Amino acid sequence: MGNIALQIERTASGATVASTARVVFNSLVYSTGDIDYNPSTGIITLNSTGRYIINWWVAIQSTGSANGMIFSLLSSQSDSITGSSPQIAGQVSGIGIIDVVSAPVTLSLINSSTGTLTYSVAMPVKAGLMVFKDEPSGNSNDTTSLCFSYAQLAHIIEQLITLYSGNTMSVFTTNVNVITGIPSQLYASPDGDNGAIFILIDDLGQFQAVPITLITAIYVGDGTVYDDSITYLTPPSPLPKGCDTDLIAAIRDYLPLSTEVIMQMGATTQASGAIYKNEYGILVLSDENGNTPIFIPVTKIARIVTAPPTPSKKPTPVSVINNPELNVPSNPDNPND
């Protein structure tokens, strides 16, 4: 199964749980991966996206509830896994699946009945709960950092289409082509998980379709400003092992925010500016105010030129060009060197 798991139990005796109150598990049996449990509050926190399988049970000795025994595992993203029994004593259990779309997400097991319930005295363990993340088996591509970086790019493109809908964009590719036009859609196959073809409408009214695997940079248009409402996907945790993770993680760590850079992407694309956003799989170049942002998939970067900061150094101008005879200058302080 997955590499994120939690098992907790309640062994404290002689206690009750009031209506709408949480079940507080006092014993941490097992925990691994990016998951937290607070034994003071009974709150579980899932810190990474993905599919989680949850199994819980509670043993009750008596109830002051008119509607029997009802417990619900509730999440901060409005999931509910409920178990119930019309009896006044016995065991109540529940099992279900939760898809965490945007982490973190919190979970709590709540007494959803109308009255106070008393934990079983006869049972040494009064309640138990297990959570584990369900990972794809084998070598499925959806576990790779490379595929995640494409999903990240698709996620960004969908937002750019909405936020800059009337702009004339320039999409740079791994060959000499630059596709210029108004964004139309990110096409996704019914058999796929994400959009994979960015479609723009050029000045002749033609549809220009670009596979996102060939995109080296996206310039959203003259006079634009980075929109702070843009969101980014949370990378898998822990990161999958592989050479793609090594590369993507290294570039992310290598370039702190505000670093002045000149970059070569693919064979013919060159961009310059400061690192304005550094997310897993995506960089955004801009000036300090977010003007004329350039979105760059990190897997297409061929060269990065930086220089030590100096008090008198002028900011690197924000630009992106396509030049078949590209020769990136070795000195970012003087692009003419």
Protein backbone atom coordinates (compact mmCIF):
# COMPACT_ATOMS: atom_id res chain seq x y z
CA MET A 1 0.00 0.00 0.00
CA GLY A 2 1.16 3.54 0.72
CA ASN A 3 4.03 5.07 2.65
CA ILE A 4 1.74 7.24 4.81
CA ALA A 5 -0.07 5.44 7.63
CA LEU A 6 -1.45 6.04 11.11
CA GLN A 7 -2.90 3.75 13.80
CA ILE A 8 -4.31 5.19 17.02
CA GLU A 9 -6.32 3.72 19.93
CA ARG A 10 -8.25 4.83 22.97
CA THR A 11 -7.30 2.82 26.06
CA ALA A 12 -8.32 5.31 28.76
CA SER A 13 -11.25 3.91 30.77
CA GLY A 14 -14.22 5.27 32.67
CA ALA A 15 -14.94 8.19 30.33
CA THR A 16 -17.77 9.46 28.21
CA VAL A 17 -18.06 11.32 24.94
CA ALA A 18 -20.71 14.02 24.72
CA SER A 19 -22.90 14.70 21.71
CA THR A 20 -20.90 16.54 18.95
CA ALA A 21 -17.64 15.95 20.89
CA ARG A 22 -14.57 14.31 19.39
CA VAL A 23 -13.30 10.84 20.21
CA VAL A 24 -9.82 11.43 21.62
CA PHE A 25 -7.39 8.57 21.05
CA ASN A 26 -4.71 8.58 23.75
CA SER A 27 -2.41 5.88 22.31
CA LEU A 28 -0.32 6.28 19.17
CA VAL A 29 0.32 2.74 17.93
CA TYR A 30 1.97 3.49 14.58
CA SER A 31 2.75 6.54 12.45
CA THR A 32 4.81 7.01 9.31
CA GLY A 33 4.95 9.59 6.55
CA ASP A 34 3.41 13.04 6.23
CA ILE A 35 0.53 12.64 8.69
CA ASP A 36 0.05 14.18 12.15
CA TYR A 37 -2.11 13.39 15.16
CA ASN A 38 -2.79 15.64 18.16
CA PRO A 39 -3.67 13.46 21.22
CA SER A 40 -4.94 16.53 23.08
CA THR A 41 -7.62 17.41 20.54
CA GLY A 42 -8.23 14.16 18.62
CA ILE A 43 -7.48 15.89 15.30
CA ILE A 44 -5.67 14.06 12.47
CA THR A 45 -3.95 16.13 9.78
CA LEU A 46 -3.27 14.78 6.28
CA ASN A 47 -0.44 16.89 4.88
CA SER A 48 -0.29 15.63 1.30
CA THR A 49 -2.79 15.09 -1.49
CA GLY A 50 -3.95 11.66 -2.55
CA ARG A 51 -6.43 8.89 -1.79
CA TYR A 52 -6.73 7.71 1.82
CA ILE A 53 -8.50 4.64 3.21
CA ILE A 54 -9.84 5.06 6.75
CA ASN A 55 -11.21 2.40 9.12
CA TRP A 56 -12.52 3.15 12.63
CA TRP A 57 -14.55 1.56 15.44
CA VAL A 58 -15.84 2.54 18.90
CA ALA A 59 -17.05 0.24 21.73
CA ILE A 60 -19.87 1.73 23.81
CA GLN A 61 -21.22 0.44 27.17
CA SER A 62 -24.29 2.65 27.43
CA THR A 63 -25.96 5.59 25.76
CA GLY A 64 -28.11 8.51 26.76
CA SER A 65 -29.06 9.05 23.15
CA ALA A 66 -32.58 8.69 21.81
CA ASN A 67 -31.33 7.73 18.34
CA GLY A 68 -28.86 5.02 19.32
CA MET A 69 -25.13 5.15 18.64
CA ILE A 70 -23.91 7.30 15.74
CA PHE A 71 -20.33 8.34 15.00
CA SER A 72 -19.10 10.31 11.98
CA LEU A 73 -15.58 10.83 10.74
CA LEU A 74 -15.68 14.41 9.42
CA SER A 75 -13.05 16.22 7.36
CA SER A 76 -12.28 19.89 6.81
CA GLN A 77 -13.17 19.38 3.12
CA SER A 78 -16.72 18.21 4.08
CA ASP A 79 -16.23 14.44 3.81
CA SER A 80 -18.28 12.27 6.18
CA ILE A 81 -17.87 8.57 6.98
CA THR A 82 -20.71 7.55 9.31
CA GLY A 83 -21.41 4.40 11.28
CA SER A 84 -24.52 3.82 13.42
CA SER A 85 -26.45 1.28 15.45
CA PRO A 86 -29.94 1.42 17.01
CA GLN A 87 -28.62 -0.50 20.05
CA ILE A 88 -27.79 1.17 23.38
CA ALA A 89 -24.51 -0.76 23.70
CA GLY A 90 -22.03 -2.51 21.44
CA GLN A 91 -19.54 -1.63 18.73
CA VAL A 92 -20.00 0.93 15.98
CA SER A 93 -17.63 1.03 12.99
CA GLY A 94 -17.07 2.79 9.71
CA ILE A 95 -14.82 2.51 6.68
CA GLY A 96 -14.42 4.78 3.69
CA ILE A 97 -12.18 6.56 1.19
CA ILE A 98 -11.25 10.25 1.15
CA ASP A 99 -9.59 12.03 -1.77
CA VAL A 100 -7.46 14.93 -0.53
CA VAL A 101 -7.43 17.47 -3.34
CA SER A 102 -5.73 20.35 -1.55
CA ALA A 103 -3.64 19.62 1.54
CA PRO A 104 -3.64 19.92 4.48
CA VAL A 105 -6.96 18.33 5.46
CA THR A 106 -8.01 17.59 9.06
CA LEU A 107 -10.10 14.65 10.30
CA SER A 108 -12.04 14.09 13.54
CA LEU A 109 -14.25 11.25 14.76
CA ILE A 110 -17.39 12.86 16.25
CA ASN A 111 -20.26 11.58 18.40
CA SER A 112 -23.16 12.41 16.05
CA SER A 113 -25.88 10.97 18.29
CA THR A 114 -28.18 13.13 20.39
CA GLY A 115 -26.79 12.18 23.79
CA THR A 116 -23.70 11.32 25.80
CA LEU A 117 -22.16 7.88 25.20
CA THR A 118 -20.09 5.90 27.71
CA TYR A 119 -17.05 3.96 26.51
CA SER A 120 -16.98 0.22 27.27
CA VAL A 121 -15.43 -0.72 30.61
CA ALA A 122 -15.03 -4.39 29.68
CA MET A 123 -12.91 -3.70 26.58
CA PRO A 124 -9.23 -2.82 27.17
CA VAL A 125 -9.26 -0.87 23.91
CA LYS A 126 -12.31 1.40 23.65
CA ALA A 127 -11.81 2.72 20.13
CA GLY A 128 -9.41 2.38 17.23
CA LEU A 129 -8.70 4.16 13.95
CA MET A 130 -6.40 3.42 11.03
CA VAL A 131 -5.51 5.65 8.08
CA PHE A 132 -3.27 4.77 5.17
CA LYS A 133 -2.59 6.36 1.82
CA ASP A 134 -3.43 4.17 -1.15
CA GLU A 135 -0.57 4.41 -3.64
CA PRO A 136 -0.71 3.14 -7.25
CA SER A 137 1.03 -0.22 -7.63
CA GLY A 138 3.92 -1.05 -9.91
CA ASN A 139 5.71 1.62 -11.93
CA SER A 140 2.67 3.67 -12.94
CA ASN A 141 3.60 6.95 -14.60
CA ASP A 142 1.37 8.94 -12.29
CA THR A 143 3.91 8.42 -9.50
CA THR A 144 6.77 10.12 -11.35
CA SER A 145 7.94 13.67 -10.80
CA LEU A 146 8.05 14.20 -14.56
CA CYS A 147 4.35 13.42 -14.94
CA PHE A 148 3.59 15.59 -11.93
CA SER A 149 5.45 18.48 -13.58
CA TYR A 150 3.24 18.09 -16.68
CA ALA A 151 0.16 18.05 -14.44
CA GLN A 152 1.48 21.22 -12.77
CA LEU A 153 1.90 22.91 -16.16
CA ALA A 154 -1.61 21.86 -17.21
CA HIS A 155 -2.97 23.25 -13.94
CA ILE A 156 -1.26 26.58 -14.60
CA ILE A 157 -2.41 26.78 -18.23
CA GLU A 158 -6.03 26.26 -17.22
CA GLN A 159 -5.75 29.28 -14.92
CA LEU A 160 -3.92 31.42 -17.49
CA ILE A 161 -6.72 30.79 -19.99
CA THR A 162 -9.23 32.19 -17.48
CA LEU A 163 -7.19 35.01 -15.94
CA TYR A 164 -5.72 36.35 -19.21
CA SER A 165 -8.52 35.31 -21.57
CA GLY A 166 -8.26 38.27 -23.95
CA ASN A 167 -4.48 38.47 -24.09
CA THR A 168 -2.30 37.64 -27.04
CA MET A 169 0.08 35.05 -25.61
CA SER A 170 3.35 33.67 -26.95
CA VAL A 171 4.04 29.98 -26.42
CA PHE A 172 7.66 28.99 -27.02
CA THR A 173 8.48 25.39 -27.96
CA THR A 174 11.44 23.03 -28.16
CA ASN A 175 11.82 23.76 -31.88
CA VAL A 176 12.02 27.14 -33.63
CA ASN A 177 8.27 27.71 -33.54
CA VAL A 178 6.65 30.38 -31.38
CA ILE A 179 2.86 30.11 -31.34
CA THR A 180 1.14 33.46 -30.82
CA GLY A 181 -2.56 33.86 -30.24
CA ILE A 182 -5.46 34.20 -27.84
CA PRO A 183 -5.81 31.21 -25.47
CA SER A 184 -8.77 28.99 -26.29
CA GLN A 185 -8.65 25.77 -24.25
CA LEU A 186 -6.53 23.05 -22.71
CA TYR A 187 -7.71 19.92 -24.48
CA ALA A 188 -7.96 16.70 -22.46
CA SER A 189 -8.77 13.24 -23.76
CA PRO A 190 -11.63 11.40 -22.02
CA ASP A 191 -9.09 8.63 -21.41
CA GLY A 192 -6.57 10.96 -19.72
CA ASP A 193 -6.26 12.55 -16.29
CA ASN A 194 -5.15 16.04 -17.34
CA GLY A 195 -5.26 18.40 -20.29
CA ALA A 196 -2.32 17.84 -22.60
CA ILE A 197 -2.78 20.11 -25.66
CA PHE A 198 -2.80 23.92 -25.32
CA ILE A 199 -4.94 25.45 -28.08
CA LEU A 200 -4.63 29.11 -29.15
CA ILE A 201 -6.41 31.08 -31.88
CA ASP A 202 -4.01 33.00 -34.13
CA ASP A 203 -4.70 36.28 -35.96
CA LEU A 204 -6.02 34.34 -38.97
CA GLY A 205 -8.63 32.58 -36.84
CA GLN A 206 -6.79 29.26 -37.05
CA PHE A 207 -6.52 26.88 -34.10
CA GLN A 208 -2.91 26.32 -33.10
CA ALA A 209 -2.54 23.19 -30.93
CA VAL A 210 0.64 22.71 -28.86
CA PRO A 211 1.41 19.54 -26.82
CA ILE A 212 2.40 20.73 -23.35
CA THR A 213 5.40 18.38 -23.37
CA LEU A 214 7.01 20.66 -26.00
CA ILE A 215 6.42 23.99 -24.23
CA THR A 216 9.56 25.78 -23.01
CA ALA A 217 7.99 29.07 -21.90
CA ILE A 218 4.67 30.92 -21.84
CA TYR A 219 4.59 34.71 -22.10
CA VAL A 220 1.10 35.90 -21.19
CA GLY A 221 1.37 39.23 -22.98
CA ASP A 222 2.67 42.79 -22.92
CA GLY A 223 1.59 44.93 -20.00
CA THR A 224 0.45 41.97 -17.87
CA VAL A 225 0.97 41.54 -14.13
CA TYR A 226 1.22 38.27 -12.22
CA ASP A 227 -2.14 37.37 -10.67
CA ASP A 228 -1.77 36.40 -7.02
CA SER A 229 -4.84 34.15 -7.22
CA ILE A 230 -2.83 31.58 -9.22
CA THR A 231 -2.50 28.30 -7.34
CA TYR A 232 -0.05 25.41 -7.67
CA LEU A 233 -0.44 21.69 -7.12
CA THR A 234 1.13 20.23 -3.98
CA PRO A 235 3.92 17.79 -4.92
CA PRO A 236 3.72 14.18 -3.71
CA SER A 237 5.21 13.56 -0.29
CA PRO A 238 7.62 11.95 -0.03
CA LEU A 239 8.86 12.67 -3.53
CA PRO A 240 9.13 9.54 -5.73
CA LYS A 241 12.66 8.31 -6.26
CA GLY A 242 14.14 8.80 -9.72
CA CYS A 243 16.33 10.92 -11.95
CA ASP A 244 13.40 13.22 -12.78
CA THR A 245 12.95 14.03 -9.09
CA ASP A 246 16.69 14.63 -8.75
CA LEU A 247 16.58 17.21 -11.54
CA ILE A 248 13.34 19.01 -10.62
CA ALA A 249 14.17 19.17 -6.91
CA ALA A 250 17.72 20.39 -7.62
CA ILE A 251 16.52 23.29 -9.79
CA ARG A 252 13.97 24.27 -7.17
CA ASP A 253 16.61 24.30 -4.42
CA TYR A 254 19.25 25.97 -6.60
CA LEU A 255 17.23 29.12 -7.37
CA PRO A 256 15.99 31.14 -4.37
CA LEU A 257 13.36 33.79 -4.95
CA SER A 258 14.64 37.09 -6.42
CA THR A 259 17.69 35.43 -8.04
CA GLU A 260 18.56 37.29 -11.26
CA VAL A 261 18.91 34.77 -14.10
CA ILE A 262 19.29 34.31 -17.80
CA MET A 263 18.02 30.95 -19.00
CA GLN A 264 18.14 28.91 -22.16
CA MET A 265 15.26 26.49 -22.70
CA GLY A 266 15.25 23.91 -25.44
CA ALA A 267 17.42 24.84 -28.39
CA THR A 268 16.27 28.36 -29.22
CA THR A 269 14.44 30.02 -26.31
CA GLN A 270 16.12 32.50 -23.98
CA ALA A 271 14.48 34.23 -21.01
CA SER A 272 15.73 36.66 -18.39
CA GLY A 273 14.45 38.23 -15.19
CA ALA A 274 14.26 37.49 -11.49
CA ILE A 275 12.82 34.34 -9.91
CA TYR A 276 9.36 35.55 -8.86
CA LYS A 277 7.80 32.14 -8.14
CA ASN A 278 9.58 28.83 -7.60
CA GLU A 279 7.10 25.96 -7.44
CA TYR A 280 7.72 22.26 -7.98
CA GLY A 281 8.04 21.87 -11.76
CA ILE A 282 7.41 25.55 -12.64
CA LEU A 283 9.38 28.80 -12.43
CA VAL A 284 8.01 32.29 -13.01
CA LEU A 285 10.36 35.06 -14.11
CA SER A 286 9.36 38.67 -13.54
CA ASP A 287 10.51 41.85 -11.86
CA GLU A 288 9.92 42.48 -8.16
CA ASN A 289 6.38 43.73 -8.88
CA GLY A 290 5.29 40.76 -10.98
CA ASN A 291 5.28 42.63 -14.29
CA THR A 292 5.23 40.70 -17.61
CA PRO A 293 5.52 37.22 -16.01
CA ILE A 294 7.09 34.34 -17.94
CA PHE A 295 6.09 30.78 -16.97
CA ILE A 296 8.84 28.18 -17.48
CA PRO A 297 8.60 24.37 -17.09
CA VAL A 298 11.84 23.40 -15.36
CA THR A 299 12.30 20.15 -17.30
CA LYS A 300 13.04 22.13 -20.47
CA ILE A 301 15.81 24.30 -18.99
CA ALA A 302 19.14 23.75 -20.74
CA ARG A 303 21.27 26.44 -19.08
CA ILE A 304 21.05 28.85 -16.13
CA VAL A 305 23.34 31.88 -15.84
CA THR A 306 23.56 33.76 -12.54
CA ALA A 307 25.96 36.20 -10.93
CA PRO A 308 26.68 37.15 -7.30
CA PRO A 309 24.47 40.08 -6.19
CA THR A 310 26.19 43.47 -5.87
CA PRO A 311 24.79 46.75 -4.48
CA SER A 312 25.24 48.55 -7.81
CA LYS A 313 23.86 45.77 -9.99
CA LYS A 314 20.87 46.73 -12.11
CA PRO A 315 17.93 44.29 -12.22
CA THR A 316 18.01 41.85 -15.11
CA PRO A 317 15.39 42.98 -17.64
CA VAL A 318 12.39 40.69 -18.05
CA SER A 319 12.32 39.23 -21.55
CA VAL A 320 11.85 36.07 -23.57
CA ILE A 321 13.03 35.61 -27.15
CA ASN A 322 13.30 32.91 -29.78
CA ASN A 323 16.62 32.84 -31.63
CA PRO A 324 17.77 29.90 -33.79
CA GLU A 325 21.37 31.15 -33.39
CA LEU A 326 21.08 31.51 -29.65
CA ASN A 327 24.23 32.05 -27.60
CA VAL A 328 23.50 32.77 -23.96
CA PRO A 329 25.90 35.42 -22.59
CA SER A 330 28.21 34.21 -19.87
CA ASN A 331 27.86 37.44 -17.87
CA PRO A 332 24.27 38.27 -16.83
CA ASP A 333 25.38 41.78 -15.77
CA ASN A 334 26.24 42.51 -19.38
CA PRO A 335 24.22 40.55 -21.96
CA ASN A 336 26.47 41.88 -24.69
CA ASP A 337 29.54 40.05 -23.35
